[in-house]
């Protein structure tokens, strides 16, 4: 391979690495902003925040109370 091609590829590689670092910092910043926003919203809309965060919310199953004879349920 000629030295010109090698230098060109190294230059492109360095440029792409800088782009990757730049995008990584932007994603980290957005991730932090989203986490902050969700933490603030959690007190007002906990179900929405749980859904967005992928948390499993367990709904409480109401207890069944019967009065009298269980055969009255028919």
Protein backbone atom coordinates (compact mmCIF):
# COMPACT_ATOMS: atom_id res chain seq x y z
CA UNK A 1 0.00 0.00 0.00
CA UNK A 2 1.31 3.41 -0.76
CA UNK A 3 2.21 5.77 2.05
CA UNK A 4 -0.38 8.26 0.78
CA UNK A 5 -3.20 5.76 1.21
CA UNK A 6 -1.95 4.75 4.65
CA UNK A 7 -1.79 8.39 5.80
CA UNK A 8 -5.26 9.01 4.39
CA UNK A 9 -6.71 6.00 6.21
CA UNK A 10 -5.04 6.99 9.47
CA UNK A 11 -6.41 10.49 9.11
CA UNK A 12 -9.92 9.17 8.45
CA UNK A 13 -9.61 6.81 11.41
CA UNK A 14 -8.58 9.66 13.73
CA UNK A 15 -11.48 11.80 12.48
CA UNK A 16 -13.98 8.98 13.05
CA UNK A 17 -12.65 8.37 16.55
CA UNK A 18 -13.17 12.07 17.38
CA UNK A 19 -16.72 11.86 16.00
CA UNK A 20 -17.44 8.80 18.12
CA UNK A 21 -16.19 10.57 21.24
CA UNK A 22 -18.30 13.62 20.44
CA UNK A 23 -21.44 11.53 19.95
CA UNK A 24 -20.72 9.55 23.11
CA UNK A 25 -20.53 12.74 25.18
CA UNK A 26 -23.79 14.00 23.62
CA UNK A 27 -25.55 10.73 24.42
CA UNK A 28 -24.26 10.77 28.00
CA UNK A 29 -25.53 14.34 28.41
CA UNK A 30 -28.96 13.47 27.02
CA UNK A 31 -29.13 10.38 29.21
CA UNK A 32 -28.42 12.46 32.30
CA UNK A 33 -31.03 15.05 31.31
CA UNK A 34 -33.63 12.30 30.78
CA UNK A 35 -32.83 10.74 34.15
CA UNK A 36 -33.20 14.14 35.85
CA UNK A 37 -36.52 14.79 34.12
CA UNK A 38 -37.87 11.35 35.02
CA UNK A 39 -36.84 11.80 38.64
CA UNK A 40 -38.76 15.08 38.80
CA UNK A 41 -41.80 13.60 37.03
CA UNK A 42 -41.86 10.47 39.18
CA UNK A 43 -43.69 12.15 42.06
CA UNK A 44 -46.53 13.24 39.75
CA UNK A 45 -46.78 10.31 37.31
CA UNK A 46 -45.14 7.23 38.86
CA UNK A 47 -46.84 4.77 36.48
CA UNK A 48 -45.64 6.66 33.40
CA UNK A 49 -42.09 6.88 34.74
CA UNK A 50 -42.10 3.17 35.59
CA UNK A 51 -43.25 2.34 32.05
CA UNK A 52 -40.59 4.55 30.47
CA UNK A 53 -37.89 3.17 32.75
CA UNK A 54 -38.98 -0.41 32.08
CA UNK A 55 -39.75 -1.05 35.72
CA UNK A 56 -42.38 -3.61 36.46
CA UNK A 57 -45.14 -2.14 38.57
CA UNK A 58 -47.11 -4.71 40.51
CA UNK A 59 -50.69 -3.74 40.88
CA UNK A 60 -52.22 -4.72 44.14
CA UNK A 61 -54.88 -7.37 43.71
CA UNK A 62 -57.94 -6.50 45.75
CA UNK A 63 -58.86 -9.02 48.38
CA UNK A 64 -62.15 -10.80 47.87
CA UNK A 65 -64.36 -10.63 50.92
CA UNK A 66 -67.52 -12.69 51.12
CA UNK A 67 -70.31 -12.29 53.60
CA UNK A 68 -72.22 -15.31 54.57
CA UNK A 69 -72.43 -18.69 52.86
CA UNK A 70 -69.96 -19.37 50.04
CA UNK A 71 -72.75 -21.16 48.15
CA UNK A 72 -74.53 -17.78 47.76
CA UNK A 73 -72.05 -16.87 45.01
CA UNK A 74 -73.99 -18.93 42.42
